């Protein structure tokens, strides 16, 4: 079915007479609104899951099937594929707004940078659909400017952290964005990679500090060679048993 297809919506129910034994339109409106909201929420959940697997070209019909709704319901909520992507993006920005508030409230600029890197990495790892969504938004809405307020906040933190002597002088806000995207991309690989993001982030943060600052101990443990190979090439049943048998070390 083409993305531009928009199935028609059936006409509303006509009530010829109103009696005390028959429900009024107002009586039935609340359940209908609740059902519509639940349908939309299920579509959002399944869209995220399928886009994480197959990218933004994931089958819309399959999203509807997994959400246990008809294709017409999907198109009533999201008339085109890009409308669905925009809705997912708006949800992501709302989630990111809470991160911005935490970062702004941090006691020092360096603490704000650490919090930014941790929260955004965790945000990306937890929702592997996000890299696909963000990339698509650059195509369909390149000049929107949404999210730039957050970029301004991070640029201010970088300037202050340098002034405080906590951050390397040759690092800028774009470097942080690239690094956090790299760490967050571990979520798209799944398997053994996903659980490594905190350790890899700690290594990244260590490299951002000035050499004279204290080096905190790295969290977790590195993957064993066989675990890394299993994560890269896909876990066979034997490799999965071997990896689980080695323990998490945490």
C-alpha atoms as a PDB file:
ATOM      1  CA  UNK A   1       0.000   0.000   0.000  1.00  0.00           C
ATOM      2  CA  UNK A   2       1.416   3.409  -0.894  1.00  0.00           C
ATOM      3  CA  UNK A   3       2.337   5.825   1.912  1.00  0.00           C
ATOM      4  CA  UNK A   4       0.066   8.506   0.464  1.00  0.00           C
ATOM      5  CA  UNK A   5      -3.013   6.304   0.640  1.00  0.00           C
ATOM      6  CA  UNK A   6      -5.551   7.708   3.082  1.00  0.00           C
ATOM      7  CA  UNK A   7      -8.483   5.382   3.676  1.00  0.00           C
ATOM      8  CA  UNK A   8     -11.798   7.163   4.183  1.00  0.00           C
ATOM      9  CA  UNK A   9     -13.390   7.489   7.585  1.00  0.00           C
ATOM     10  CA  UNK A  10     -16.894   6.159   8.030  1.00  0.00           C
ATOM     11  CA  UNK A  11     -19.637   8.636   8.932  1.00  0.00           C
ATOM     12  CA  UNK A  12     -20.710   9.165  12.522  1.00  0.00           C
ATOM     13  CA  UNK A  13     -23.609   7.394  14.203  1.00  0.00           C
ATOM     14  CA  UNK A  14     -26.994   9.159  13.819  1.00  0.00           C
ATOM     15  CA  UNK A  15     -29.306   8.999  16.800  1.00  0.00           C
ATOM     16  CA  UNK A  16     -32.951   9.388  15.740  1.00  0.00           C
ATOM     17  CA  UNK A  17     -34.436   9.592  19.191  1.00  0.00           C
ATOM     18  CA  UNK A  18     -33.191  10.217  22.688  1.00  0.00           C
ATOM     19  CA  UNK A  19     -34.616   8.163  25.507  1.00  0.00           C
ATOM     20  CA  UNK A  20     -33.465   7.460  29.017  1.00  0.00           C
ATOM     21  CA  UNK A  21     -32.662   3.845  28.095  1.00  0.00           C
ATOM     22  CA  UNK A  22     -30.317   4.776  25.215  1.00  0.00           C
ATOM     23  CA  UNK A  23     -26.769   6.109  25.679  1.00  0.00           C
ATOM     24  CA  UNK A  24     -26.284   9.677  24.498  1.00  0.00           C
ATOM     25  CA  UNK A  25     -23.500  10.780  22.186  1.00  0.00           C
ATOM     26  CA  UNK A  26     -21.843  12.405  25.194  1.00  0.00           C
ATOM     27  CA  UNK A  27     -22.050   9.160  27.197  1.00  0.00           C
ATOM     28  CA  UNK A  28     -20.175   7.245  24.480  1.00  0.00           C
ATOM     29  CA  UNK A  29     -17.632   9.933  23.650  1.00  0.00           C
ATOM     30  CA  UNK A  30     -15.313   9.223  26.569  1.00  0.00           C
ATOM     31  CA  UNK A  31     -14.725   5.515  25.757  1.00  0.00           C
ATOM     32  CA  UNK A  32     -14.191   6.385  22.085  1.00  0.00           C
ATOM     33  CA  UNK A  33     -11.620   9.013  22.975  1.00  0.00           C
ATOM     34  CA  UNK A  34      -9.891   6.577  25.319  1.00  0.00           C
ATOM     35  CA  UNK A  35      -9.812   3.870  22.649  1.00  0.00           C
ATOM     36  CA  UNK A  36      -8.429   6.321  20.100  1.00  0.00           C
ATOM     37  CA  UNK A  37      -5.694   7.410  22.505  1.00  0.00           C
ATOM     38  CA  UNK A  38      -4.768   3.817  23.294  1.00  0.00           C
ATOM     39  CA  UNK A  39      -4.647   2.965  19.592  1.00  0.00           C
ATOM     40  CA  UNK A  40      -2.289   5.864  18.946  1.00  0.00           C
ATOM     41  CA  UNK A  41      -0.066   4.893  21.870  1.00  0.00           C
ATOM     42  CA  UNK A  42       0.196   1.303  20.609  1.00  0.00           C
ATOM     43  CA  UNK A  43       1.050   2.553  17.134  1.00  0.00           C
ATOM     44  CA  UNK A  44       3.822   4.717  18.580  1.00  0.00           C
ATOM     45  CA  UNK A  45       5.275   1.808  20.567  1.00  0.00           C
ATOM     46  CA  UNK A  46       5.232  -0.593  17.629  1.00  0.00           C
ATOM     47  CA  UNK A  47       6.545   2.024  15.201  1.00  0.00           C
ATOM     48  CA  UNK A  48       9.546   2.631  17.424  1.00  0.00           C
ATOM     49  CA  UNK A  49      10.229  -1.092  17.706  1.00  0.00           C
ATOM     50  CA  UNK A  50       9.949  -1.788  13.972  1.00  0.00           C
ATOM     51  CA  UNK A  51      11.894   1.318  12.902  1.00  0.00           C
ATOM     52  CA  UNK A  52      14.672   0.248  15.265  1.00  0.00           C
ATOM     53  CA  UNK A  53      14.861  -3.028  13.336  1.00  0.00           C
ATOM     54  CA  UNK A  54      14.225  -1.908   9.764  1.00  0.00           C
ATOM     55  CA  UNK A  55      14.716   1.865   9.644  1.00  0.00           C
ATOM     56  CA  UNK A  56      12.130   4.466   8.653  1.00  0.00           C
ATOM     57  CA  UNK A  57      11.113   2.410   5.607  1.00  0.00           C
ATOM     58  CA  UNK A  58       9.600  -0.199   7.930  1.00  0.00           C
ATOM     59  CA  UNK A  59       6.262  -1.561   6.727  1.00  0.00           C
ATOM     60  CA  UNK A  60       3.376   0.611   7.891  1.00  0.00           C
ATOM     61  CA  UNK A  61       1.011  -2.314   7.469  1.00  0.00           C
ATOM     62  CA  UNK A  62       3.202  -4.376   9.804  1.00  0.00           C
ATOM     63  CA  UNK A  63       3.201  -1.567  12.370  1.00  0.00           C
ATOM     64  CA  UNK A  64      -0.605  -1.541  12.284  1.00  0.00           C
ATOM     65  CA  UNK A  65      -0.760  -5.335  12.563  1.00  0.00           C
ATOM     66  CA  UNK A  66       1.563  -5.382  15.584  1.00  0.00           C
ATOM     67  CA  UNK A  67      -0.462  -2.614  17.227  1.00  0.00           C
ATOM     68  CA  UNK A  68      -3.592  -4.711  16.665  1.00  0.00           C
ATOM     69  CA  UNK A  69      -5.368  -1.959  14.726  1.00  0.00           C
ATOM     70  CA  UNK A  70      -6.520  -1.605  11.148  1.00  0.00           C
ATOM     71  CA  UNK A  71      -4.443   0.166   8.522  1.00  0.00           C
ATOM     72  CA  UNK A  72      -7.178   2.812   8.311  1.00  0.00           C
ATOM     73  CA  UNK A  73      -6.591   3.633  11.994  1.00  0.00           C
ATOM     74  CA  UNK A  74      -2.893   4.105  11.344  1.00  0.00           C
ATOM     75  CA  UNK A  75      -3.567   6.514   8.472  1.00  0.00           C
ATOM     76  CA  UNK A  76      -6.124   8.456  10.502  1.00  0.00           C
ATOM     77  CA  UNK A  77      -3.411   9.116  13.057  1.00  0.00           C
ATOM     78  CA  UNK A  78      -0.509   9.475  10.613  1.00  0.00           C
ATOM     79  CA  UNK A  79      -1.628  10.288   7.044  1.00  0.00           C
ATOM     80  CA  UNK A  80       1.895   9.760   5.650  1.00  0.00           C
ATOM     81  CA  UNK A  81       5.068   7.992   6.716  1.00  0.00           C
ATOM     82  CA  UNK A  82       6.715  11.343   7.381  1.00  0.00           C
ATOM     83  CA  UNK A  83       3.840  12.349   9.663  1.00  0.00           C
ATOM     84  CA  UNK A  84       4.639   9.285  11.743  1.00  0.00           C
ATOM     85  CA  UNK A  85       8.337  10.183  11.808  1.00  0.00           C
ATOM     86  CA  UNK A  86       7.502  13.748  12.879  1.00  0.00           C
ATOM     87  CA  UNK A  87       5.300  12.464  15.701  1.00  0.00           C
ATOM     88  CA  UNK A  88       8.095  10.210  16.948  1.00  0.00           C
ATOM     89  CA  UNK A  89      10.525  13.109  16.691  1.00  0.00           C
ATOM     90  CA  UNK A  90       8.245  15.401  18.705  1.00  0.00           C
ATOM     91  CA  UNK A  91       8.018  12.766  21.439  1.00  0.00           C
ATOM     92  CA  UNK A  92      11.810  12.479  21.438  1.00  0.00           C
ATOM     93  CA  UNK A  93      12.230  16.257  21.772  1.00  0.00           C
ATOM     94  CA  UNK A  94       9.835  16.298  24.724  1.00  0.00           C
ATOM     95  CA  UNK A  95      11.954  13.619  26.404  1.00  0.00           C
ATOM     96  CA  UNK A  96      15.098  15.604  25.651  1.00  0.00           C
ATOM     97  CA  UNK A  97      13.601  18.715  27.254  1.00  0.00           C
ATOM     98  CA  UNK A  98      13.703  17.009  30.662  1.00  0.00           C
ATOM     99  CA  UNK A  99      17.403  16.272  30.095  1.00  0.00           C
ATOM    100  CA  UNK A 100      18.016  19.948  29.313  1.00  0.00           C
ATOM    101  CA  UNK A 101      16.405  20.955  32.609  1.00  0.00           C
ATOM    102  CA  UNK A 102      18.671  18.553  34.522  1.00  0.00           C
ATOM    103  CA  UNK A 103      21.753  19.812  32.724  1.00  0.00           C
ATOM    104  CA  UNK A 104      20.950  23.458  33.419  1.00  0.00           C
ATOM    105  CA  UNK A 105      20.499  22.659  37.131  1.00  0.00           C
ATOM    106  CA  UNK A 106      23.909  20.927  37.441  1.00  0.00           C
ATOM    107  CA  UNK A 107      26.206  22.461  40.107  1.00  0.00           C
ATOM    108  CA  UNK A 108      29.194  22.957  37.771  1.00  0.00           C
ATOM    109  CA  UNK A 109      29.741  23.169  34.025  1.00  0.00           C
ATOM    110  CA  UNK A 110      31.695  19.894  34.018  1.00  0.00           C
ATOM    111  CA  UNK A 111      28.930  18.177  35.986  1.00  0.00           C
ATOM    112  CA  UNK A 112      26.495  19.483  33.370  1.00  0.00           C
ATOM    113  CA  UNK A 113      28.612  18.019  30.563  1.00  0.00           C
ATOM    114  CA  UNK A 114      28.802  14.653  32.331  1.00  0.00           C
ATOM    115  CA  UNK A 115      25.052  14.679  32.870  1.00  0.00           C
ATOM    116  CA  UNK A 116      24.402  15.647  29.243  1.00  0.00           C
ATOM    117  CA  UNK A 117      26.647  12.884  27.912  1.00  0.00           C
ATOM    118  CA  UNK A 118      25.165  10.267  30.243  1.00  0.00           C
ATOM    119  CA  UNK A 119      21.495  11.134  29.771  1.00  0.00           C
ATOM    120  CA  UNK A 120      21.641  11.512  25.996  1.00  0.00           C
ATOM    121  CA  UNK A 121      23.677   8.313  25.584  1.00  0.00           C
ATOM    122  CA  UNK A 122      21.150   6.460  27.730  1.00  0.00           C
ATOM    123  CA  UNK A 123      18.303   8.047  25.737  1.00  0.00           C
ATOM    124  CA  UNK A 124      19.785   6.846  22.441  1.00  0.00           C
ATOM    125  CA  UNK A 125      20.656   3.366  23.719  1.00  0.00           C
ATOM    126  CA  UNK A 126      17.169   2.869  25.168  1.00  0.00           C
ATOM    127  CA  UNK A 127      15.466   3.731  21.861  1.00  0.00           C
ATOM    128  CA  UNK A 128      17.438   2.372  18.885  1.00  0.00           C
ATOM    129  CA  UNK A 129      14.865   3.912  16.529  1.00  0.00           C
ATOM    130  CA  UNK A 130      16.107   7.416  17.344  1.00  0.00           C
ATOM    131  CA  UNK A 131      19.140   7.510  15.012  1.00  0.00           C
ATOM    132  CA  UNK A 132      16.875   6.558  12.096  1.00  0.00           C
ATOM    133  CA  UNK A 133      14.286   9.153  13.113  1.00  0.00           C
ATOM    134  CA  UNK A 134      16.830  11.947  13.557  1.00  0.00           C
ATOM    135  CA  UNK A 135      18.447  11.197  10.212  1.00  0.00           C
ATOM    136  CA  UNK A 136      15.082  11.229   8.440  1.00  0.00           C
ATOM    137  CA  UNK A 137      14.126  14.546  10.043  1.00  0.00           C
ATOM    138  CA  UNK A 138      17.233  16.126   8.555  1.00  0.00           C
ATOM    139  CA  UNK A 139      15.798  15.229   5.148  1.00  0.00           C
ATOM    140  CA  UNK A 140      12.136  16.137   5.580  1.00  0.00           C
ATOM    141  CA  UNK A 141      12.543  19.199   7.815  1.00  0.00           C
ATOM    142  CA  UNK A 142      16.149  20.442   7.562  1.00  0.00           C
ATOM    143  CA  UNK A 143      15.445  24.055   8.465  1.00  0.00           C
ATOM    144  CA  UNK A 144      13.156  23.533  11.433  1.00  0.00           C
ATOM    145  CA  UNK A 145      15.704  24.646  14.014  1.00  0.00           C
ATOM    146  CA  UNK A 146      14.044  22.527  16.702  1.00  0.00           C
ATOM    147  CA  UNK A 147      16.527  21.416  19.319  1.00  0.00           C
ATOM    148  CA  UNK A 148      18.852  24.374  18.740  1.00  0.00           C
ATOM    149  CA  UNK A 149      18.032  25.792  22.164  1.00  0.00           C
ATOM    150  CA  UNK A 150      19.585  22.672  23.681  1.00  0.00           C
ATOM    151  CA  UNK A 151      22.664  23.120  21.495  1.00  0.00           C
ATOM    152  CA  UNK A 152      23.045  26.656  22.834  1.00  0.00           C
ATOM    153  CA  UNK A 153      22.908  25.339  26.407  1.00  0.00           C
ATOM    154  CA  UNK A 154      25.665  22.802  25.694  1.00  0.00           C
ATOM    155  CA  UNK A 155      27.845  25.408  23.970  1.00  0.00           C
ATOM    156  CA  UNK A 156      27.560  27.563  27.088  1.00  0.00           C
ATOM    157  CA  UNK A 157      28.567  24.625  29.299  1.00  0.00           C
ATOM    158  CA  UNK A 158      31.605  23.953  27.120  1.00  0.00           C
ATOM    159  CA  UNK A 159      32.780  27.558  27.365  1.00  0.00           C
ATOM    160  CA  UNK A 160      32.345  27.592  31.154  1.00  0.00           C
ATOM    161  CA  UNK A 161      34.024  24.201  31.646  1.00  0.00           C
ATOM    162  CA  UNK A 162      37.055  25.404  29.692  1.00  0.00           C
ATOM    163  CA  UNK A 163      37.194  28.574  31.791  1.00  0.00           C
ATOM    164  CA  UNK A 164      36.985  26.449  34.963  1.00  0.00           C
ATOM    165  CA  UNK A 165      39.913  24.331  33.770  1.00  0.00           C
ATOM    166  CA  UNK A 166      37.858  21.141  33.691  1.00  0.00           C
ATOM    167  CA  UNK A 167      37.587  20.551  29.920  1.00  0.00           C
ATOM    168  CA  UNK A 168      40.281  20.311  27.260  1.00  0.00           C
ATOM    169  CA  UNK A 169      40.711  23.608  25.435  1.00  0.00           C
ATOM    170  CA  UNK A 170      40.596  22.014  21.986  1.00  0.00           C
ATOM    171  CA  UNK A 171      37.105  20.486  22.400  1.00  0.00           C
ATOM    172  CA  UNK A 172      33.875  22.149  21.302  1.00  0.00           C
ATOM    173  CA  UNK A 173      30.154  21.416  21.567  1.00  0.00           C
ATOM    174  CA  UNK A 174      30.061  19.648  18.199  1.00  0.00           C
ATOM    175  CA  UNK A 175      32.706  17.209  19.451  1.00  0.00           C
ATOM    176  CA  UNK A 176      30.433  16.345  22.371  1.00  0.00           C
ATOM    177  CA  UNK A 177      27.478  15.804  20.029  1.00  0.00           C
ATOM    178  CA  UNK A 178      29.528  13.464  17.835  1.00  0.00           C
ATOM    179  CA  UNK A 179      30.869  11.520  20.803  1.00  0.00           C
ATOM    180  CA  UNK A 180      27.497  11.096  22.492  1.00  0.00           C
ATOM    181  CA  UNK A 181      26.009   9.921  19.189  1.00  0.00           C
ATOM    182  CA  UNK A 182      28.789   7.347  18.846  1.00  0.00           C
ATOM    183  CA  UNK A 183      28.223   5.998  22.351  1.00  0.00           C
ATOM    184  CA  UNK A 184      24.451   6.030  21.915  1.00  0.00           C
ATOM    185  CA  UNK A 185      24.731   4.088  18.656  1.00  0.00           C
ATOM    186  CA  UNK A 186      25.688   1.000  20.672  1.00  0.00           C
ATOM    187  CA  UNK A 187      21.970   0.516  21.201  1.00  0.00           C
ATOM    188  CA  UNK A 188      21.463  -0.127  17.487  1.00  0.00           C
ATOM    189  CA  UNK A 189      23.838  -3.108  17.607  1.00  0.00           C
ATOM    190  CA  UNK A 190      22.061  -4.901  20.430  1.00  0.00           C
ATOM    191  CA  UNK A 191      23.494  -7.979  22.103  1.00  0.00           C
ATOM    192  CA  UNK A 192      26.700  -7.479  24.096  1.00  0.00           C
ATOM    193  CA  UNK A 193      27.253  -3.974  22.733  1.00  0.00           C
ATOM    194  CA  UNK A 194      24.288  -2.409  24.507  1.00  0.00           C
ATOM    195  CA  UNK A 195      25.498  -3.154  28.030  1.00  0.00           C
ATOM    196  CA  UNK A 196      28.874  -1.552  27.290  1.00  0.00           C
ATOM    197  CA  UNK A 197      27.693   2.022  26.843  1.00  0.00           C
ATOM    198  CA  UNK A 198      28.458   3.245  30.375  1.00  0.00           C
ATOM    199  CA  UNK A 199      32.009   1.921  30.245  1.00  0.00           C
ATOM    200  CA  UNK A 200      32.653   3.422  26.812  1.00  0.00           C
ATOM    201  CA  UNK A 201      31.157   6.736  27.959  1.00  0.00           C
ATOM    202  CA  UNK A 202      33.497   6.778  30.964  1.00  0.00           C
ATOM    203  CA  UNK A 203      36.461   6.352  28.604  1.00  0.00           C
ATOM    204  CA  UNK A 204      35.161   9.201  26.448  1.00  0.00           C
ATOM    205  CA  UNK A 205      34.713  11.494  29.456  1.00  0.00           C
ATOM    206  CA  UNK A 206      38.187  10.594  30.674  1.00  0.00           C
ATOM    207  CA  UNK A 207      39.596  11.748  27.345  1.00  0.00           C
ATOM    208  CA  UNK A 208      37.737  15.066  27.626  1.00  0.00           C
ATOM    209  CA  UNK A 209      39.239  15.980  30.991  1.00  0.00           C
ATOM    210  CA  UNK A 210      42.420  17.968  31.342  1.00  0.00           C
ATOM    211  CA  UNK A 211      45.404  15.630  31.962  1.00  0.00           C
ATOM    212  CA  UNK A 212      45.954  16.955  35.501  1.00  0.00           C
ATOM    213  CA  UNK A 213      42.496  15.963  36.744  1.00  0.00           C
ATOM    214  CA  UNK A 214      41.823  12.758  38.682  1.00  0.00           C
ATOM    215  CA  UNK A 215      40.870   9.714  36.644  1.00  0.00           C
ATOM    216  CA  UNK A 216      37.894   7.838  38.135  1.00  0.00           C
ATOM    217  CA  UNK A 217      37.776   4.048  37.872  1.00  0.00           C
ATOM    218  CA  UNK A 218      35.974   2.772  34.783  1.00  0.00           C
ATOM    219  CA  UNK A 219      32.567   1.159  35.422  1.00  0.00           C
ATOM    220  CA  UNK A 220      31.880  -2.453  34.461  1.00  0.00           C
ATOM    221  CA  UNK A 221      34.439  -4.537  32.611  1.00  0.00           C
ATOM    222  CA  UNK A 222      35.585  -4.874  29.013  1.00  0.00           C
ATOM    223  CA  UNK A 223      34.061  -7.610  26.884  1.00  0.00           C
ATOM    224  CA  UNK A 224      36.132 -10.746  26.512  1.00  0.00           C
ATOM    225  CA  UNK A 225      37.358 -11.405  22.974  1.00  0.00           C
ATOM    226  CA  UNK A 226      34.791 -14.132  22.380  1.00  0.00           C
ATOM    227  CA  UNK A 227      32.009 -11.926  23.720  1.00  0.00           C
ATOM    228  CA  UNK A 228      33.035  -9.109  21.401  1.00  0.00           C
ATOM    229  CA  UNK A 229      33.109 -11.441  18.404  1.00  0.00           C
ATOM    230  CA  UNK A 230      29.692 -12.789  19.383  1.00  0.00           C
ATOM    231  CA  UNK A 231      28.331  -9.232  19.639  1.00  0.00           C
ATOM    232  CA  UNK A 232      29.752  -8.248  16.245  1.00  0.00           C
ATOM    233  CA  UNK A 233      28.779 -11.342  14.293  1.00  0.00           C
ATOM    234  CA  UNK A 234      25.581 -12.298  16.109  1.00  0.00           C
ATOM    235  CA  UNK A 235      25.199 -14.642  19.037  1.00  0.00           C
ATOM    236  CA  UNK A 236      24.955 -18.316  18.216  1.00  0.00           C
ATOM    237  CA  UNK A 237      23.411 -20.471  20.904  1.00  0.00           C
ATOM    238  CA  UNK A 238      26.855 -21.749  21.919  1.00  0.00           C
ATOM    239  CA  UNK A 239      28.371 -18.241  21.957  1.00  0.00           C
ATOM    240  CA  UNK A 240      25.430 -16.951  24.001  1.00  0.00           C
ATOM    241  CA  UNK A 241      25.998 -19.677  26.610  1.00  0.00           C
ATOM    242  CA  UNK A 242      29.727 -18.922  26.658  1.00  0.00           C
ATOM    243  CA  UNK A 243      29.151 -15.187  27.052  1.00  0.00           C
ATOM    244  CA  UNK A 244      26.603 -15.614  29.843  1.00  0.00           C
ATOM    245  CA  UNK A 245      28.884 -18.055  31.626  1.00  0.00           C
ATOM    246  CA  UNK A 246      31.670 -15.504  31.875  1.00  0.00           C
ATOM    247  CA  UNK A 247      29.619 -13.251  34.186  1.00  0.00           C
ATOM    248  CA  UNK A 248      28.840  -9.596  34.004  1.00  0.00           C
ATOM    249  CA  UNK A 249      31.523  -8.460  36.422  1.00  0.00           C
ATOM    250  CA  UNK A 250      29.224  -5.766  37.781  1.00  0.00           C
END
